[in-house]
Amino acid sequence: MTSNWAAFRRAAPELARTAEERFAGHTHHVLATLRADGSPRTSGLEVRFLDGELWFGMMTGSLKALDLRRDPRFALQTNPGEGTGMAGGDIRVGGRALEVEDGSVKRAYTQEVEPPEPFHLFRTELTEVVRTYVEDEKYLVVEIWQPGEPIRTLKRT
C-alpha cells in the first residue's frame, strides 16, 4: 500500500509537520536508490513539497534518475545538520518514485521551482515515514507511519 504526501499529512499531521520542518532546514538531503546490480547508491538531492506531493527533480541522465527508472524504490534521509543535535529528530521516508512525463505537470513544476532544464521529475508514493529522536536525554524514540496504519511508537533506553 502506498500514499502521497497529502494523504500522509491528513493521517499524521503532527509527524508530517515535523518532517516538513526537518526537510526545510537544509537544502540537500540523502537519497538511496538501487543500482542495476542491486547494491545501494546514495546521492545528494533537493526535494520539494508542492500540491500535496513530495517531488524529486534531477539532472537529465543522472545515475540516481536512471536507478529510479529501473527500480522506483527509494529511501530519503533528512540532512542531519551541523553538530549532533538533530533538532526535530531524524526523518526517513521510504517509497517509490515514479517519473512524470506529462508536459503540463512538468510545466507547472517548472513555473514553481525553476529547475535547470532539461530534467527528470519524479512524484513519490510513500510506503513509510520514520522519525527517530532522543527524549529527555534518556530514551530513543522511533515513530513509524505506514499507509492505512496508526503511528507506531517504540521507546528504548
N, C-alpha and C. Protein backbone atom coordinates (compact mmCIF):
# COMPACT_ATOMS: atom_id res chain seq x y z
N MET A 1 0.84 -1.18 0.00
CA MET A 1 0.00 0.00 0.00
C MET A 1 0.89 1.24 0.00
N THR A 2 0.51 2.25 -0.79
CA THR A 2 1.26 3.50 -0.86
C THR A 2 0.32 4.68 -0.64
N SER A 3 0.92 5.84 -0.48
CA SER A 3 0.16 7.05 -0.21
C SER A 3 0.97 8.24 -0.72
N ASN A 4 0.28 9.32 -1.09
CA ASN A 4 1.04 10.53 -1.42
C ASN A 4 1.23 11.37 -0.15
N TRP A 5 1.93 12.48 -0.28
CA TRP A 5 2.25 13.29 0.89
C TRP A 5 0.99 13.88 1.51
N ALA A 6 0.02 14.30 0.70
CA ALA A 6 -1.21 14.89 1.23
C ALA A 6 -1.96 13.90 2.11
N ALA A 7 -2.03 12.65 1.69
CA ALA A 7 -2.72 11.62 2.49
C ALA A 7 -1.95 11.38 3.79
N PHE A 8 -0.63 11.37 3.73
CA PHE A 8 0.19 11.25 4.94
C PHE A 8 -0.09 12.41 5.88
N ARG A 9 -0.14 13.62 5.34
CA ARG A 9 -0.39 14.81 6.16
C ARG A 9 -1.75 14.73 6.85
N ARG A 10 -2.76 14.22 6.15
CA ARG A 10 -4.09 14.07 6.76
C ARG A 10 -4.08 13.00 7.85
N ALA A 11 -3.36 11.92 7.61
CA ALA A 11 -3.34 10.80 8.56
C ALA A 11 -2.49 11.08 9.79
N ALA A 12 -1.41 11.82 9.62
CA ALA A 12 -0.46 12.06 10.72
C ALA A 12 0.03 13.50 10.65
N PRO A 13 -0.83 14.48 10.92
CA PRO A 13 -0.47 15.89 10.71
C PRO A 13 0.73 16.36 11.52
N GLU A 14 0.86 15.94 12.75
CA GLU A 14 1.98 16.39 13.58
C GLU A 14 3.31 15.83 13.05
N LEU A 15 3.32 14.56 12.71
CA LEU A 15 4.54 13.94 12.17
C LEU A 15 4.88 14.56 10.81
N ALA A 16 3.88 14.80 9.98
CA ALA A 16 4.12 15.42 8.67
C ALA A 16 4.71 16.82 8.83
N ARG A 17 4.17 17.60 9.77
CA ARG A 17 4.68 18.95 10.02
C ARG A 17 6.15 18.90 10.47
N THR A 18 6.45 17.97 11.38
CA THR A 18 7.84 17.81 11.84
C THR A 18 8.75 17.42 10.68
N ALA A 19 8.29 16.49 9.84
CA ALA A 19 9.10 16.06 8.69
C ALA A 19 9.34 17.23 7.74
N GLU A 20 8.32 17.98 7.43
CA GLU A 20 8.48 19.12 6.52
C GLU A 20 9.45 20.16 7.09
N GLU A 21 9.37 20.39 8.39
CA GLU A 21 10.30 21.33 9.03
C GLU A 21 11.74 20.83 8.94
N ARG A 22 11.94 19.54 9.15
CA ARG A 22 13.30 18.97 9.05
C ARG A 22 13.83 19.08 7.63
N PHE A 23 12.98 18.79 6.63
CA PHE A 23 13.44 18.91 5.24
C PHE A 23 13.70 20.37 4.88
N ALA A 24 12.91 21.29 5.41
CA ALA A 24 13.09 22.72 5.11
C ALA A 24 14.34 23.29 5.75
N GLY A 25 14.87 22.63 6.77
CA GLY A 25 16.03 23.14 7.49
C GLY A 25 17.31 23.14 6.68
N HIS A 26 17.37 22.34 5.64
CA HIS A 26 18.57 22.25 4.79
C HIS A 26 18.15 22.03 3.36
N THR A 27 18.99 22.42 2.44
CA THR A 27 18.67 22.28 1.02
C THR A 27 18.88 20.86 0.52
N HIS A 28 19.99 20.24 0.91
CA HIS A 28 20.34 18.92 0.37
C HIS A 28 20.12 17.81 1.39
N HIS A 29 19.60 16.70 0.90
CA HIS A 29 19.33 15.52 1.72
C HIS A 29 19.94 14.31 1.04
N VAL A 30 19.79 13.13 1.62
CA VAL A 30 20.44 11.93 1.07
C VAL A 30 19.38 10.98 0.54
N LEU A 31 19.50 10.66 -0.74
CA LEU A 31 18.61 9.73 -1.42
C LEU A 31 19.35 8.42 -1.64
N ALA A 32 18.72 7.32 -1.28
CA ALA A 32 19.28 5.99 -1.55
C ALA A 32 18.43 5.35 -2.64
N THR A 33 19.11 4.85 -3.67
CA THR A 33 18.47 4.13 -4.78
C THR A 33 19.19 2.80 -4.94
N LEU A 34 18.71 1.99 -5.87
CA LEU A 34 19.34 0.70 -6.13
C LEU A 34 19.99 0.70 -7.51
N ARG A 35 21.27 0.32 -7.55
CA ARG A 35 21.98 0.20 -8.82
C ARG A 35 21.47 -1.03 -9.57
N ALA A 36 21.88 -1.17 -10.81
CA ALA A 36 21.45 -2.31 -11.63
C ALA A 36 21.83 -3.65 -11.00
N ASP A 37 22.96 -3.69 -10.27
CA ASP A 37 23.38 -4.95 -9.65
C ASP A 37 22.73 -5.16 -8.27
N GLY A 38 21.84 -4.24 -7.86
CA GLY A 38 21.14 -4.37 -6.58
C GLY A 38 21.83 -3.72 -5.40
N SER A 39 23.05 -3.24 -5.60
CA SER A 39 23.74 -2.58 -4.49
C SER A 39 23.20 -1.16 -4.32
N PRO A 40 23.34 -0.61 -3.12
CA PRO A 40 22.79 0.73 -2.87
C PRO A 40 23.67 1.83 -3.45
N ARG A 41 23.00 2.94 -3.79
CA ARG A 41 23.70 4.15 -4.22
C ARG A 41 23.11 5.29 -3.40
N THR A 42 23.95 6.13 -2.81
CA THR A 42 23.45 7.31 -2.11
C THR A 42 23.89 8.55 -2.88
N SER A 43 22.99 9.53 -2.92
CA SER A 43 23.24 10.76 -3.66
C SER A 43 22.61 11.92 -2.92
N GLY A 44 23.16 13.10 -3.11
CA GLY A 44 22.52 14.29 -2.59
C GLY A 44 21.31 14.65 -3.44
N LEU A 45 20.31 15.27 -2.81
CA LEU A 45 19.08 15.59 -3.53
C LEU A 45 18.35 16.74 -2.85
N GLU A 46 17.80 17.64 -3.66
CA GLU A 46 16.86 18.65 -3.17
C GLU A 46 15.46 18.10 -3.36
N VAL A 47 14.58 18.36 -2.40
CA VAL A 47 13.20 17.88 -2.51
C VAL A 47 12.25 19.07 -2.46
N ARG A 48 11.04 18.86 -2.96
CA ARG A 48 10.01 19.91 -2.93
C ARG A 48 8.68 19.29 -2.49
N PHE A 49 7.94 20.05 -1.69
CA PHE A 49 6.58 19.70 -1.32
C PHE A 49 5.67 20.68 -2.05
N LEU A 50 4.95 20.20 -3.05
CA LEU A 50 4.05 21.05 -3.83
C LEU A 50 2.77 20.29 -4.13
N ASP A 51 1.64 20.97 -4.00
CA ASP A 51 0.34 20.41 -4.36
C ASP A 51 0.10 19.04 -3.74
N GLY A 52 0.48 18.88 -2.48
CA GLY A 52 0.22 17.63 -1.78
C GLY A 52 1.12 16.47 -2.17
N GLU A 53 2.20 16.77 -2.86
CA GLU A 53 3.13 15.72 -3.31
C GLU A 53 4.54 16.03 -2.83
N LEU A 54 5.33 14.99 -2.69
CA LEU A 54 6.77 15.11 -2.46
C LEU A 54 7.43 14.82 -3.80
N TRP A 55 8.16 15.80 -4.33
CA TRP A 55 8.75 15.71 -5.67
C TRP A 55 10.27 15.62 -5.61
N PHE A 56 10.84 14.88 -6.55
CA PHE A 56 12.28 14.83 -6.77
C PHE A 56 12.54 15.34 -8.19
N GLY A 57 13.34 16.38 -8.31
CA GLY A 57 13.80 16.84 -9.61
C GLY A 57 15.27 16.50 -9.75
N MET A 58 15.66 15.99 -10.94
CA MET A 58 17.05 15.54 -11.13
C MET A 58 17.57 15.94 -12.50
N MET A 59 18.88 16.10 -12.58
CA MET A 59 19.51 16.40 -13.86
C MET A 59 19.26 15.25 -14.84
N THR A 60 19.09 15.60 -16.10
CA THR A 60 18.88 14.60 -17.13
C THR A 60 20.06 13.63 -17.16
N GLY A 61 19.75 12.35 -17.17
CA GLY A 61 20.77 11.32 -17.26
C GLY A 61 21.53 11.04 -15.98
N SER A 62 21.13 11.65 -14.86
CA SER A 62 21.85 11.39 -13.61
C SER A 62 21.69 9.92 -13.23
N LEU A 63 22.68 9.39 -12.55
CA LEU A 63 22.64 7.97 -12.17
C LEU A 63 21.46 7.67 -11.26
N LYS A 64 21.14 8.58 -10.34
CA LYS A 64 20.00 8.33 -9.44
C LYS A 64 18.69 8.29 -10.23
N ALA A 65 18.55 9.14 -11.25
CA ALA A 65 17.35 9.11 -12.09
C ALA A 65 17.27 7.80 -12.87
N LEU A 66 18.40 7.36 -13.41
CA LEU A 66 18.42 6.09 -14.14
C LEU A 66 18.11 4.93 -13.21
N ASP A 67 18.63 4.98 -11.97
CA ASP A 67 18.29 3.95 -10.98
C ASP A 67 16.79 3.90 -10.75
N LEU A 68 16.17 5.06 -10.54
CA LEU A 68 14.73 5.10 -10.24
C LEU A 68 13.88 4.68 -11.44
N ARG A 69 14.35 4.97 -12.64
CA ARG A 69 13.62 4.49 -13.82
C ARG A 69 13.60 2.96 -13.86
N ARG A 70 14.70 2.37 -13.46
CA ARG A 70 14.84 0.90 -13.49
C ARG A 70 14.11 0.25 -12.32
N ASP A 71 14.25 0.84 -11.14
CA ASP A 71 13.63 0.30 -9.92
C ASP A 71 13.21 1.51 -9.09
N PRO A 72 11.91 1.76 -8.94
CA PRO A 72 11.46 3.00 -8.32
C PRO A 72 11.60 3.08 -6.80
N ARG A 73 12.07 2.03 -6.16
CA ARG A 73 12.18 2.07 -4.69
C ARG A 73 13.28 3.03 -4.25
N PHE A 74 12.98 3.76 -3.17
CA PHE A 74 13.95 4.71 -2.64
C PHE A 74 13.83 4.80 -1.13
N ALA A 75 14.87 5.35 -0.52
CA ALA A 75 14.84 5.81 0.87
C ALA A 75 15.44 7.21 0.86
N LEU A 76 14.82 8.11 1.58
CA LEU A 76 15.26 9.50 1.63
C LEU A 76 15.49 9.87 3.09
N GLN A 77 16.68 10.37 3.39
CA GLN A 77 17.06 10.72 4.76
C GLN A 77 17.28 12.23 4.83
N THR A 78 16.74 12.87 5.89
CA THR A 78 16.98 14.30 6.05
C THR A 78 18.44 14.56 6.37
N ASN A 79 18.89 15.71 5.96
CA ASN A 79 20.23 16.18 6.30
C ASN A 79 20.28 16.35 7.82
N PRO A 80 21.26 15.74 8.50
CA PRO A 80 21.29 15.84 9.96
C PRO A 80 21.65 17.22 10.47
N GLY A 81 22.23 18.07 9.63
CA GLY A 81 22.59 19.42 10.06
C GLY A 81 23.92 19.44 10.79
N GLU A 82 24.28 20.61 11.25
CA GLU A 82 25.55 20.78 11.92
C GLU A 82 25.52 20.15 13.31
N GLY A 83 26.63 19.66 13.76
CA GLY A 83 26.72 19.05 15.08
C GLY A 83 25.93 17.76 15.16
N THR A 84 25.55 17.37 16.34
CA THR A 84 24.85 16.10 16.51
C THR A 84 23.48 16.26 17.15
N GLY A 85 23.00 17.49 17.32
CA GLY A 85 21.73 17.71 17.99
C GLY A 85 20.51 17.23 17.23
N MET A 86 20.53 17.31 15.92
CA MET A 86 19.41 16.92 15.07
C MET A 86 18.07 17.40 15.63
N ALA A 87 17.96 18.69 15.87
CA ALA A 87 16.71 19.25 16.40
C ALA A 87 15.54 18.78 15.56
N GLY A 88 14.52 18.28 16.21
CA GLY A 88 13.35 17.76 15.50
C GLY A 88 13.47 16.30 15.16
N GLY A 89 14.65 15.73 15.40
CA GLY A 89 14.84 14.31 15.11
C GLY A 89 15.28 14.05 13.69
N ASP A 90 15.52 12.80 13.42
CA ASP A 90 15.93 12.34 12.11
C ASP A 90 14.70 11.80 11.39
N ILE A 91 14.54 12.14 10.13
CA ILE A 91 13.39 11.68 9.35
C ILE A 91 13.88 10.85 8.17
N ARG A 92 13.21 9.70 7.97
CA ARG A 92 13.47 8.87 6.80
C ARG A 92 12.14 8.57 6.13
N VAL A 93 12.12 8.71 4.81
CA VAL A 93 10.92 8.44 4.01
C VAL A 93 11.27 7.31 3.05
N GLY A 94 10.41 6.31 2.99
CA GLY A 94 10.60 5.22 2.04
C GLY A 94 9.43 5.15 1.09
N GLY A 95 9.67 4.64 -0.10
CA GLY A 95 8.57 4.52 -1.05
C GLY A 95 9.05 4.23 -2.45
N ARG A 96 8.23 4.69 -3.40
CA ARG A 96 8.53 4.53 -4.82
C ARG A 96 8.48 5.90 -5.47
N ALA A 97 9.39 6.16 -6.39
CA ALA A 97 9.43 7.41 -7.14
C ALA A 97 9.08 7.12 -8.59
N LEU A 98 8.02 7.73 -9.08
CA LEU A 98 7.52 7.47 -10.43
C LEU A 98 7.78 8.68 -11.31
N GLU A 99 8.44 8.44 -12.45
CA GLU A 99 8.78 9.55 -13.32
C GLU A 99 7.53 10.14 -13.96
N VAL A 100 7.50 11.47 -14.00
CA VAL A 100 6.39 12.21 -14.58
C VAL A 100 6.78 12.62 -16.00
N GLU A 101 5.97 12.21 -16.96
CA GLU A 101 6.21 12.57 -18.36
C GLU A 101 5.21 13.60 -18.85
N ASP A 102 4.11 13.79 -18.13
CA ASP A 102 3.04 14.70 -18.52
C ASP A 102 3.59 16.13 -18.62
N GLY A 103 3.54 16.69 -19.81
CA GLY A 103 4.10 18.02 -20.05
C GLY A 103 3.48 19.11 -19.21
N SER A 104 2.17 19.05 -18.98
CA SER A 104 1.52 20.11 -18.20
C SER A 104 1.96 20.05 -16.73
N VAL A 105 2.17 18.86 -16.21
CA VAL A 105 2.64 18.72 -14.82
C VAL A 105 4.07 19.25 -14.71
N LYS A 106 4.91 18.90 -15.68
CA LYS A 106 6.30 19.38 -15.66
C LYS A 106 6.36 20.91 -15.81
N ARG A 107 5.48 21.47 -16.66
CA ARG A 107 5.46 22.93 -16.82
C ARG A 107 5.05 23.61 -15.52
N ALA A 108 4.05 23.07 -14.84
CA ALA A 108 3.61 23.65 -13.56
C ALA A 108 4.74 23.58 -12.53
N TYR A 109 5.44 22.46 -12.49
CA TYR A 109 6.58 22.31 -11.57
C TYR A 109 7.65 23.34 -11.93
N THR A 110 7.95 23.47 -13.21
CA THR A 110 8.98 24.41 -13.68
C THR A 110 8.63 25.84 -13.31
N GLN A 111 7.37 26.22 -13.42
CA GLN A 111 6.96 27.58 -13.06
C GLN A 111 7.19 27.84 -11.57
N GLU A 112 6.97 26.83 -10.75
CA GLU A 112 7.12 26.98 -9.30
C GLU A 112 8.57 26.90 -8.85
N VAL A 113 9.32 25.96 -9.42
CA VAL A 113 10.67 25.65 -8.92
C VAL A 113 11.79 26.25 -9.76
N GLU A 114 11.58 26.43 -11.05
CA GLU A 114 12.59 26.93 -11.99
C GLU A 114 13.85 26.08 -12.00
N PRO A 115 13.73 24.77 -12.25
CA PRO A 115 14.92 23.92 -12.29
C PRO A 115 15.70 24.13 -13.58
N PRO A 116 16.98 23.75 -13.59
CA PRO A 116 17.72 23.79 -14.86
C PRO A 116 17.11 22.73 -15.79
N GLU A 117 16.92 23.11 -17.03
CA GLU A 117 16.30 22.17 -17.98
C GLU A 117 17.33 21.67 -18.96
N PRO A 118 17.12 20.49 -19.51
CA PRO A 118 16.05 19.53 -19.24
C PRO A 118 16.29 18.83 -17.90
N PHE A 119 15.25 18.15 -17.39
CA PHE A 119 15.38 17.49 -16.09
C PHE A 119 14.39 16.32 -16.01
N HIS A 120 14.67 15.42 -15.07
CA HIS A 120 13.75 14.33 -14.74
C HIS A 120 12.92 14.81 -13.56
N LEU A 121 11.63 14.47 -13.56
CA LEU A 121 10.76 14.80 -12.45
C LEU A 121 10.09 13.52 -11.96
N PHE A 122 10.16 13.30 -10.66
CA PHE A 122 9.58 12.11 -10.05
C PHE A 122 8.58 12.52 -8.97
N ARG A 123 7.41 11.89 -8.99
CA ARG A 123 6.40 12.03 -7.94
C ARG A 123 6.54 10.80 -7.05
N THR A 124 6.42 10.98 -5.75
CA THR A 124 6.65 9.87 -4.83
C THR A 124 5.35 9.26 -4.32
N GLU A 125 5.42 7.97 -4.07
CA GLU A 125 4.38 7.22 -3.37
C GLU A 125 5.04 6.68 -2.11
N LEU A 126 4.51 7.04 -0.95
CA LEU A 126 5.14 6.69 0.32
C LEU A 126 4.71 5.31 0.79
N THR A 127 5.67 4.57 1.33
CA THR A 127 5.36 3.31 2.00
C THR A 127 5.62 3.42 3.49
N GLU A 128 6.43 4.40 3.90
CA GLU A 128 6.62 4.65 5.32
C GLU A 128 7.33 5.98 5.54
N VAL A 129 7.08 6.54 6.72
CA VAL A 129 7.81 7.71 7.20
C VAL A 129 8.21 7.38 8.63
N VAL A 130 9.50 7.56 8.94
CA VAL A 130 10.03 7.21 10.25
C VAL A 130 10.74 8.42 10.85
N ARG A 131 10.40 8.72 12.09
CA ARG A 131 11.10 9.77 12.83
C ARG A 131 11.81 9.12 14.00
N THR A 132 13.09 9.43 14.18
CA THR A 132 13.88 8.93 15.30
C THR A 132 14.42 10.13 16.05
N TYR A 133 14.23 10.14 17.37
CA TYR A 133 14.72 11.26 18.17
C TYR A 133 15.00 10.79 19.60
N VAL A 134 15.70 11.65 20.33
CA VAL A 134 16.02 11.36 21.72
C VAL A 134 15.09 12.19 22.59
N GLU A 135 14.48 11.53 23.59
CA GLU A 135 13.56 12.19 24.50
C GLU A 135 14.17 12.23 25.90
N ASP A 136 14.16 13.38 26.51
CA ASP A 136 14.66 13.57 27.88
C ASP A 136 16.10 13.08 28.07
N GLU A 137 16.88 13.14 27.00
CA GLU A 137 18.28 12.69 27.03
C GLU A 137 18.42 11.28 27.58
N LYS A 138 17.34 10.49 27.50
CA LYS A 138 17.35 9.15 28.06
C LYS A 138 16.79 8.10 27.11
N TYR A 139 15.77 8.45 26.36
CA TYR A 139 15.07 7.47 25.53
C TYR A 139 15.31 7.72 24.05
N LEU A 140 15.51 6.66 23.30
CA LEU A 140 15.50 6.72 21.85
C LEU A 140 14.06 6.39 21.44
N VAL A 141 13.43 7.31 20.73
CA VAL A 141 12.04 7.14 20.33
C VAL A 141 11.99 7.02 18.81
N VAL A 142 11.25 6.02 18.33
CA VAL A 142 11.07 5.80 16.90
C VAL A 142 9.58 5.81 16.62
N GLU A 143 9.15 6.75 15.78
CA GLU A 143 7.76 6.82 15.32
C GLU A 143 7.71 6.31 13.89
N ILE A 144 6.81 5.38 13.61
CA ILE A 144 6.72 4.76 12.29
C ILE A 144 5.30 4.92 11.77
N TRP A 145 5.17 5.55 10.60
CA TRP A 145 3.87 5.67 9.93
C TRP A 145 3.93 4.87 8.64
N GLN A 146 2.89 4.09 8.40
CA GLN A 146 2.71 3.39 7.13
C GLN A 146 1.27 3.60 6.68
N PRO A 147 1.02 3.69 5.37
CA PRO A 147 -0.34 3.96 4.89
C PRO A 147 -1.36 2.98 5.46
N GLY A 148 -2.47 3.55 5.91
CA GLY A 148 -3.56 2.73 6.42
C GLY A 148 -3.37 2.24 7.84
N GLU A 149 -2.27 2.61 8.48
CA GLU A 149 -1.97 2.15 9.84
C GLU A 149 -1.81 3.34 10.77
N PRO A 150 -2.11 3.15 12.06
CA PRO A 150 -1.82 4.23 13.01
C PRO A 150 -0.31 4.33 13.23
N ILE A 151 0.14 5.44 13.74
CA ILE A 151 1.56 5.61 14.05
C ILE A 151 1.93 4.63 15.16
N ARG A 152 3.02 3.89 14.95
CA ARG A 152 3.57 3.03 15.99
C ARG A 152 4.74 3.77 16.62
N THR A 153 4.82 3.72 17.93
CA THR A 153 5.91 4.37 18.65
C THR A 153 6.67 3.34 19.47
N LEU A 154 7.97 3.30 19.25
CA LEU A 154 8.86 2.42 20.02
C LEU A 154 9.76 3.31 20.85
N LYS A 155 9.96 2.93 22.11
CA LYS A 155 10.80 3.73 23.00
C LYS A 155 11.80 2.79 23.67
N ARG A 156 13.09 3.16 23.59
CA ARG A 156 14.15 2.35 24.20
C ARG A 156 15.06 3.22 25.05
N THR A 157 15.68 2.58 26.04
CA THR A 157 16.66 3.30 26.86
C THR A 157 18.05 2.92 26.40
